[in-house]
N, C-alpha and C. Protein backbone atom coordinates (compact mmCIF):
# COMPACT_ATOMS: atom_id res chain seq x y z
N MET A 1 103.90 133.84 121.03
CA MET A 1 104.21 133.95 119.24
C MET A 1 103.66 134.95 118.45
N ASN A 2 104.63 135.35 117.65
CA ASN A 2 103.48 136.27 116.43
C ASN A 2 102.69 135.63 115.51
N GLU A 3 102.06 136.29 114.99
CA GLU A 3 101.29 135.45 113.92
C GLU A 3 101.87 135.61 112.24
N PRO A 4 101.95 134.81 111.55
CA PRO A 4 102.95 135.04 110.73
C PRO A 4 102.39 136.55 110.20
N THR A 5 103.03 137.02 109.09
CA THR A 5 102.40 137.99 108.71
C THR A 5 101.84 137.01 106.90
N LEU A 6 101.71 137.71 106.07
CA LEU A 6 100.60 137.51 104.75
C LEU A 6 102.25 137.24 104.12
N GLU A 7 103.48 138.87 103.87
CA GLU A 7 104.79 138.30 103.45
C GLU A 7 105.35 137.91 103.47
N SER A 8 106.01 136.93 105.20
CA SER A 8 106.51 135.94 105.85
C SER A 8 106.42 134.80 105.39
N LEU A 9 104.82 134.85 105.57
CA LEU A 9 104.20 133.26 104.71
C LEU A 9 104.76 133.21 103.19
N ALA A 10 104.48 134.31 102.49
CA ALA A 10 104.75 133.95 100.95
C ALA A 10 106.21 133.91 101.01
N GLN A 11 106.98 134.41 101.35
CA GLN A 11 108.60 134.01 102.08
C GLN A 11 108.85 133.15 102.02
N ARG A 12 108.65 132.06 103.21
CA ARG A 12 108.12 130.75 103.04
C ARG A 12 108.29 129.78 101.75
N VAL A 13 106.88 130.17 101.08
CA VAL A 13 106.45 129.34 100.16
C VAL A 13 107.15 129.15 98.91
N ASP A 14 107.89 130.79 98.48
CA ASP A 14 109.27 130.74 97.79
C ASP A 14 109.93 129.35 97.90
N ALA A 15 110.75 129.79 99.37
CA ALA A 15 111.78 129.59 99.52
C ALA A 15 111.51 127.99 99.40
N LEU A 16 109.92 127.16 99.66
CA LEU A 16 109.70 125.72 99.82
C LEU A 16 109.69 125.91 98.73
N GLU A 17 108.90 126.31 97.46
CA GLU A 17 109.31 125.79 95.96
C GLU A 17 110.50 126.36 95.44
N ARG A 18 111.24 126.43 96.04
CA ARG A 18 113.22 126.82 95.42
C ARG A 18 113.65 124.91 95.60
N GLU A 19 113.16 125.14 96.70
CA GLU A 19 113.80 123.81 97.65
C GLU A 19 113.40 122.70 96.45
N LEU A 20 111.64 122.64 97.03
CA LEU A 20 111.91 122.17 95.37
C LEU A 20 111.35 121.64 94.74
N ARG A 21 111.77 122.44 93.61
CA ARG A 21 112.56 122.66 91.98
C ARG A 21 113.98 122.33 92.15
N THR A 22 115.06 122.20 93.16
CA THR A 22 115.78 122.10 93.24
C THR A 22 116.33 120.11 93.65
N GLN A 23 115.33 119.54 94.12
CA GLN A 23 115.32 118.34 94.31
C GLN A 23 114.75 117.26 93.23
N ARG A 24 113.68 117.74 92.52
CA ARG A 24 112.84 117.48 91.24
C ARG A 24 113.84 117.58 90.07
N ALA A 25 115.27 118.44 90.49
CA ALA A 25 115.88 118.50 89.21
C ALA A 25 117.37 117.38 89.25
N THR A 26 117.50 117.05 90.73
CA THR A 26 118.59 116.63 91.27
C THR A 26 117.69 114.96 91.33
N GLU A 27 116.52 114.38 91.34
CA GLU A 27 116.32 113.13 91.32
C GLU A 27 116.58 113.15 89.77
N THR A 28 115.79 113.61 88.92
CA THR A 28 115.79 113.76 87.64
C THR A 28 117.00 112.89 87.17
N LYS A 29 118.30 114.11 87.05
CA LYS A 29 119.05 113.23 86.74
C LYS A 29 119.90 112.51 87.03
N GLN A 30 119.72 112.16 88.21
CA GLN A 30 120.35 110.76 89.36
C GLN A 30 119.63 109.98 89.39
N ASP A 31 118.34 109.80 88.41
CA ASP A 31 117.24 108.72 89.12
C ASP A 31 117.88 107.25 88.07
N TRP A 32 118.18 107.39 87.01
CA TRP A 32 119.11 106.38 86.31
C TRP A 32 120.32 105.74 87.15
N ARG A 33 120.88 106.25 88.40
CA ARG A 33 122.17 105.65 88.69
C ARG A 33 121.29 104.80 90.52
N ARG A 34 120.42 105.47 90.58
CA ARG A 34 119.45 104.77 91.83
C ARG A 34 118.51 103.37 91.28
N VAL A 35 118.98 103.13 89.85
CA VAL A 35 118.44 101.60 90.18
C VAL A 35 119.50 100.51 88.76
N VAL A 36 120.39 101.57 88.70
CA VAL A 36 121.35 100.33 88.42
C VAL A 36 121.90 99.38 89.13
N GLY A 37 121.91 97.77 88.99
CA GLY A 37 122.36 96.76 89.30
C GLY A 37 120.88 95.80 90.83
N ILE A 38 120.35 96.85 90.18
CA ILE A 38 119.10 96.67 91.25
C ILE A 38 118.93 94.84 91.43
N ALA A 39 118.44 95.07 90.38
CA ALA A 39 117.89 92.92 89.79
C ALA A 39 118.91 92.34 89.95
N GLY A 40 120.48 92.43 89.43
CA GLY A 40 121.34 92.04 89.67
C GLY A 40 121.06 90.81 88.79
N ASP A 41 121.91 89.70 88.98
CA ASP A 41 122.69 88.60 87.66
C ASP A 41 121.55 86.95 88.78
N SER A 42 119.91 87.16 88.23
CA SER A 42 119.54 85.93 88.91
C SER A 42 119.31 85.24 87.43
N GLU A 43 118.72 84.12 88.23
CA GLU A 43 117.40 83.11 87.19
C GLU A 43 115.98 83.60 86.72
N LEU A 44 115.93 84.51 88.05
CA LEU A 44 114.35 85.43 87.40
C LEU A 44 114.46 86.41 86.70
N MET A 45 115.39 86.94 86.25
CA MET A 45 115.80 88.20 85.79
C MET A 45 116.09 87.78 84.02
N ARG A 46 116.91 86.56 84.25
CA ARG A 46 117.10 85.81 82.95
C ARG A 46 115.93 85.95 82.42
N GLN A 47 114.74 85.04 82.91
CA GLN A 47 113.33 84.65 82.61
C GLN A 47 112.63 85.79 82.22
N ILE A 48 112.97 87.15 83.27
CA ILE A 48 112.63 88.75 82.80
C ILE A 48 112.63 88.89 81.06
N ASP A 49 113.64 89.22 81.28
CA ASP A 49 114.54 89.14 80.21
C ASP A 49 114.07 88.42 78.72
N ASP A 50 114.29 87.71 78.97
CA ASP A 50 113.98 86.44 77.65
C ASP A 50 112.63 86.93 77.39
N GLU A 51 111.88 86.57 78.45
CA GLU A 51 110.36 87.16 78.20
C GLU A 51 109.92 88.25 77.15
N GLY A 52 110.11 89.16 78.19
CA GLY A 52 110.60 90.60 77.29
C GLY A 52 110.82 90.45 75.93
N ARG A 53 112.05 89.38 75.59
CA ARG A 53 112.57 89.73 74.39
C ARG A 53 111.05 89.23 72.95
N ARG A 54 111.16 88.17 73.86
CA ARG A 54 109.92 87.53 73.07
C ARG A 54 108.28 88.32 72.86
N ILE A 55 108.32 88.93 73.93
CA ILE A 55 107.18 89.77 73.75
C ILE A 55 107.33 90.66 72.54
N ARG A 56 108.70 92.11 72.66
CA ARG A 56 108.94 92.60 71.65
C ARG A 56 109.06 92.31 70.16
N GLU A 57 109.76 90.40 69.68
CA GLU A 57 109.89 90.20 68.89
C GLU A 57 107.97 89.77 68.43
N MET A 58 107.28 89.24 69.19
CA MET A 58 105.92 88.57 68.69
C MET A 58 105.10 90.45 68.68
N GLU A 59 105.25 91.62 68.84
CA GLU A 59 104.63 92.25 68.41
C GLU A 59 105.58 92.87 67.02
N ARG A 60 106.92 92.75 66.94
CA ARG A 60 107.67 93.29 65.53
C ARG A 60 106.78 92.32 64.25
N GLU A 61 106.82 91.15 64.42
CA GLU A 61 106.09 89.93 63.54
C GLU A 61 104.76 90.61 63.53
N ASP A 62 104.05 91.14 64.53
CA ASP A 62 102.69 91.35 64.37
C ASP A 62 102.17 92.79 63.80
N ALA A 63 103.41 93.67 63.68
CA ALA A 63 103.48 94.91 63.04
C ALA A 63 103.70 94.97 61.62
N ARG A 64 104.83 93.77 60.62
CA ARG A 64 104.95 93.65 59.21
C ARG A 64 103.78 92.92 58.71
N ARG A 65 102.70 92.02 59.19
CA ARG A 65 101.93 91.50 58.45
C ARG A 65 100.74 92.58 58.60
N GLU A 66 100.92 93.80 59.33
CA GLU A 66 99.67 94.29 59.00
C GLU A 66 99.72 95.16 57.94
N PRO A 67 98.86 95.51 57.15
CA PRO A 67 98.80 96.13 56.21
C PRO A 67 99.33 97.71 55.72
N THR A 68 99.50 97.98 55.31
CA THR A 68 100.08 99.79 54.81
C THR A 68 99.21 100.30 54.34
N ALA A 69 99.12 101.52 54.68
CA ALA A 69 97.65 102.42 54.33
C ALA A 69 98.58 102.80 53.21
């Protein structure tokens, strides 16, 4: 088996980097599609949603009470 040359290794690294950039770009564009519907409609998800709303409302009320500069 021949020893890889510096040039051949550089070409392989370039090819791998191009492939990685392509995969990352694709993942970013499709990321939201992978999670849609993952939780489904369940009592647990309703409780989580309700708790999130409650926390956000408390934060809004706290922000309204803070004095403005």
